[in-house]
C-alpha atoms as a PDB file:
ATOM      1  CA  UNK A   1      18.503 216.498 -56.820  1.00  0.00           C
ATOM      2  CA  UNK A   2      14.819 217.458 -56.376  1.00  0.00           C
ATOM      3  CA  UNK A   3      13.763 214.282 -58.185  1.00  0.00           C
ATOM      4  CA  UNK A   4      16.051 212.200 -56.013  1.00  0.00           C
ATOM      5  CA  UNK A   5      14.482 213.691 -52.903  1.00  0.00           C
ATOM      6  CA  UNK A   6      11.008 212.684 -54.098  1.00  0.00           C
ATOM      7  CA  UNK A   7      12.048 209.091 -54.591  1.00  0.00           C
ATOM      8  CA  UNK A   8      13.920 208.962 -51.298  1.00  0.00           C
ATOM      9  CA  UNK A   9      11.033 210.451 -49.318  1.00  0.00           C
ATOM     10  CA  UNK A  10       9.265 207.058 -49.420  1.00  0.00           C
ATOM     11  CA  UNK A  11      12.080 205.510 -47.443  1.00  0.00           C
ATOM     12  CA  UNK A  12      11.168 207.729 -44.506  1.00  0.00           C
ATOM     13  CA  UNK A  13       7.438 207.049 -44.768  1.00  0.00           C
ATOM     14  CA  UNK A  14       6.424 205.450 -41.452  1.00  0.00           C
ATOM     15  CA  UNK A  15       3.301 203.828 -42.914  1.00  0.00           C
ATOM     16  CA  UNK A  16       5.343 201.372 -44.928  1.00  0.00           C
ATOM     17  CA  UNK A  17       4.361 201.234 -48.588  1.00  0.00           C
ATOM     18  CA  UNK A  18       5.171 203.588 -51.422  1.00  0.00           C
ATOM     19  CA  UNK A  19       1.505 204.565 -51.621  1.00  0.00           C
ATOM     20  CA  UNK A  20       0.933 204.786 -47.888  1.00  0.00           C
ATOM     21  CA  UNK A  21      -0.286 201.221 -47.347  1.00  0.00           C
ATOM     22  CA  UNK A  22       0.838 199.006 -44.497  1.00  0.00           C
ATOM     23  CA  UNK A  23       3.069 196.209 -45.662  1.00  0.00           C
ATOM     24  CA  UNK A  24       2.556 192.770 -44.231  1.00  0.00           C
ATOM     25  CA  UNK A  25      -0.975 193.514 -43.010  1.00  0.00           C
ATOM     26  CA  UNK A  26      -3.646 191.502 -44.806  1.00  0.00           C
ATOM     27  CA  UNK A  27      -6.709 193.504 -45.773  1.00  0.00           C
ATOM     28  CA  UNK A  28     -10.010 192.178 -44.472  1.00  0.00           C
ATOM     29  CA  UNK A  29     -12.870 192.461 -46.971  1.00  0.00           C
ATOM     30  CA  UNK A  30     -16.264 193.608 -45.713  1.00  0.00           C
ATOM     31  CA  UNK A  31     -18.884 190.927 -45.132  1.00  0.00           C
ATOM     32  CA  UNK A  32     -21.413 192.409 -47.538  1.00  0.00           C
ATOM     33  CA  UNK A  33     -21.473 194.847 -50.396  1.00  0.00           C
ATOM     34  CA  UNK A  34     -18.363 193.710 -52.244  1.00  0.00           C
ATOM     35  CA  UNK A  35     -18.067 190.562 -54.292  1.00  0.00           C
ATOM     36  CA  UNK A  36     -15.989 189.406 -57.278  1.00  0.00           C
ATOM     37  CA  UNK A  37     -16.539 190.929 -60.672  1.00  0.00           C
ATOM     38  CA  UNK A  38     -18.053 188.657 -63.293  1.00  0.00           C
ATOM     39  CA  UNK A  39     -14.945 188.496 -65.499  1.00  0.00           C
ATOM     40  CA  UNK A  40     -16.252 185.422 -67.325  1.00  0.00           C
ATOM     41  CA  UNK A  41     -19.642 187.107 -67.992  1.00  0.00           C
ATOM     42  CA  UNK A  42     -21.502 184.210 -66.397  1.00  0.00           C
ATOM     43  CA  UNK A  43     -24.473 186.370 -65.386  1.00  0.00           C
ATOM     44  CA  UNK A  44     -24.480 188.887 -68.238  1.00  0.00           C
ATOM     45  CA  UNK A  45     -27.972 187.992 -69.447  1.00  0.00           C
ATOM     46  CA  UNK A  46     -29.473 188.495 -65.985  1.00  0.00           C
ATOM     47  CA  UNK A  47     -27.539 191.734 -65.509  1.00  0.00           C
ATOM     48  CA  UNK A  48     -28.648 193.106 -68.879  1.00  0.00           C
ATOM     49  CA  UNK A  49     -32.288 192.188 -68.219  1.00  0.00           C
ATOM     50  CA  UNK A  50     -32.158 193.957 -64.843  1.00  0.00           C
ATOM     51  CA  UNK A  51     -30.491 197.081 -66.237  1.00  0.00           C
ATOM     52  CA  UNK A  52     -32.932 197.164 -69.157  1.00  0.00           C
ATOM     53  CA  UNK A  53     -35.846 196.942 -66.735  1.00  0.00           C
ATOM     54  CA  UNK A  54     -34.414 199.778 -64.639  1.00  0.00           C
ATOM     55  CA  UNK A  55     -34.050 201.977 -67.705  1.00  0.00           C
ATOM     56  CA  UNK A  56     -37.555 201.262 -68.998  1.00  0.00           C
ATOM     57  CA  UNK A  57     -39.149 201.794 -65.569  1.00  0.00           C
ATOM     58  CA  UNK A  58     -37.468 205.129 -64.901  1.00  0.00           C
ATOM     59  CA  UNK A  59     -35.034 203.493 -62.443  1.00  0.00           C
ATOM     60  CA  UNK A  60     -37.808 202.368 -60.092  1.00  0.00           C
ATOM     61  CA  UNK A  61     -36.193 199.258 -58.638  1.00  0.00           C
ATOM     62  CA  UNK A  62     -39.432 197.930 -57.117  1.00  0.00           C
ATOM     63  CA  UNK A  63     -40.712 197.255 -60.637  1.00  0.00           C
ATOM     64  CA  UNK A  64     -37.608 195.170 -61.391  1.00  0.00           C
ATOM     65  CA  UNK A  65     -37.488 192.973 -58.286  1.00  0.00           C
ATOM     66  CA  UNK A  66     -37.888 189.725 -60.226  1.00  0.00           C
ATOM     67  CA  UNK A  67     -34.893 190.612 -62.441  1.00  0.00           C
ATOM     68  CA  UNK A  68     -32.856 191.638 -59.416  1.00  0.00           C
ATOM     69  CA  UNK A  69     -33.649 188.325 -57.740  1.00  0.00           C
ATOM     70  CA  UNK A  70     -32.672 186.331 -60.851  1.00  0.00           C
ATOM     71  CA  UNK A  71     -29.384 188.256 -61.065  1.00  0.00           C
ATOM     72  CA  UNK A  72     -28.514 187.609 -57.416  1.00  0.00           C
ATOM     73  CA  UNK A  73     -29.482 183.928 -57.721  1.00  0.00           C
ATOM     74  CA  UNK A  74     -27.214 183.604 -60.763  1.00  0.00           C
ATOM     75  CA  UNK A  75     -24.315 185.196 -58.878  1.00  0.00           C
ATOM     76  CA  UNK A  76     -24.802 182.788 -55.972  1.00  0.00           C
ATOM     77  CA  UNK A  77     -25.044 179.750 -58.271  1.00  0.00           C
ATOM     78  CA  UNK A  78     -21.807 180.740 -60.033  1.00  0.00           C
ATOM     79  CA  UNK A  79     -19.991 181.445 -56.714  1.00  0.00           C
ATOM     80  CA  UNK A  80     -19.689 185.153 -57.466  1.00  0.00           C
ATOM     81  CA  UNK A  81     -21.161 185.950 -54.070  1.00  0.00           C
ATOM     82  CA  UNK A  82     -21.855 184.078 -50.851  1.00  0.00           C
ATOM     83  CA  UNK A  83     -24.961 181.913 -50.868  1.00  0.00           C
ATOM     84  CA  UNK A  84     -27.720 183.383 -48.723  1.00  0.00           C
ATOM     85  CA  UNK A  85     -31.385 182.861 -48.213  1.00  0.00           C
ATOM     86  CA  UNK A  86     -33.241 185.268 -50.475  1.00  0.00           C
ATOM     87  CA  UNK A  87     -35.315 186.479 -47.514  1.00  0.00           C
ATOM     88  CA  UNK A  88     -32.085 187.857 -46.018  1.00  0.00           C
ATOM     89  CA  UNK A  89     -31.679 189.936 -49.178  1.00  0.00           C
ATOM     90  CA  UNK A  90     -35.166 191.417 -49.010  1.00  0.00           C
ATOM     91  CA  UNK A  91     -37.014 188.849 -51.102  1.00  0.00           C
ATOM     92  CA  UNK A  92     -39.724 187.458 -48.831  1.00  0.00           C
ATOM     93  CA  UNK A  93     -42.144 184.836 -50.117  1.00  0.00           C
ATOM     94  CA  UNK A  94     -45.239 186.953 -49.478  1.00  0.00           C
ATOM     95  CA  UNK A  95     -43.783 189.962 -51.205  1.00  0.00           C
ATOM     96  CA  UNK A  96     -42.757 187.916 -54.260  1.00  0.00           C
ATOM     97  CA  UNK A  97     -46.249 186.430 -54.454  1.00  0.00           C
ATOM     98  CA  UNK A  98     -47.767 189.943 -54.315  1.00  0.00           C
ATOM     99  CA  UNK A  99     -45.486 191.058 -57.150  1.00  0.00           C
ATOM    100  CA  UNK A 100     -46.419 188.070 -59.313  1.00  0.00           C
ATOM    101  CA  UNK A 101     -50.128 188.719 -58.652  1.00  0.00           C
ATOM    102  CA  UNK A 102     -49.705 192.352 -59.679  1.00  0.00           C
ATOM    103  CA  UNK A 103     -47.855 191.236 -62.797  1.00  0.00           C
ATOM    104  CA  UNK A 104     -50.720 188.870 -63.715  1.00  0.00           C
ATOM    105  CA  UNK A 105     -53.267 191.613 -63.177  1.00  0.00           C
ATOM    106  CA  UNK A 106     -51.146 194.096 -65.127  1.00  0.00           C
ATOM    107  CA  UNK A 107     -51.029 196.391 -62.097  1.00  0.00           C
ATOM    108  CA  UNK A 108     -47.830 197.657 -60.560  1.00  0.00           C
ATOM    109  CA  UNK A 109     -48.280 200.476 -58.066  1.00  0.00           C
ATOM    110  CA  UNK A 110     -45.543 202.884 -57.108  1.00  0.00           C
END
């Protein structure tokens, strides 16, 4: 009888679903921060390059900006995230030019 009570308790749940969710209400995804997983591994190379850079730089993301940019561009090209201007994602033209100059000179400050 105790087991039956556990199963029946969901019938009295005012929130609707068996796990507390509202039935019939469509969830609204956030605008930013969540995008589809790359199930087809379309951007694996870019992801691996970025992660490798993070590991080798002691997880200092500033040193891996070019890899981060390539990864985001790949995701946009493959429709794994909404297309946006890179300046909206923190990749300004002047800043990218500074980074490439530092790379040429072999100098990366942090």
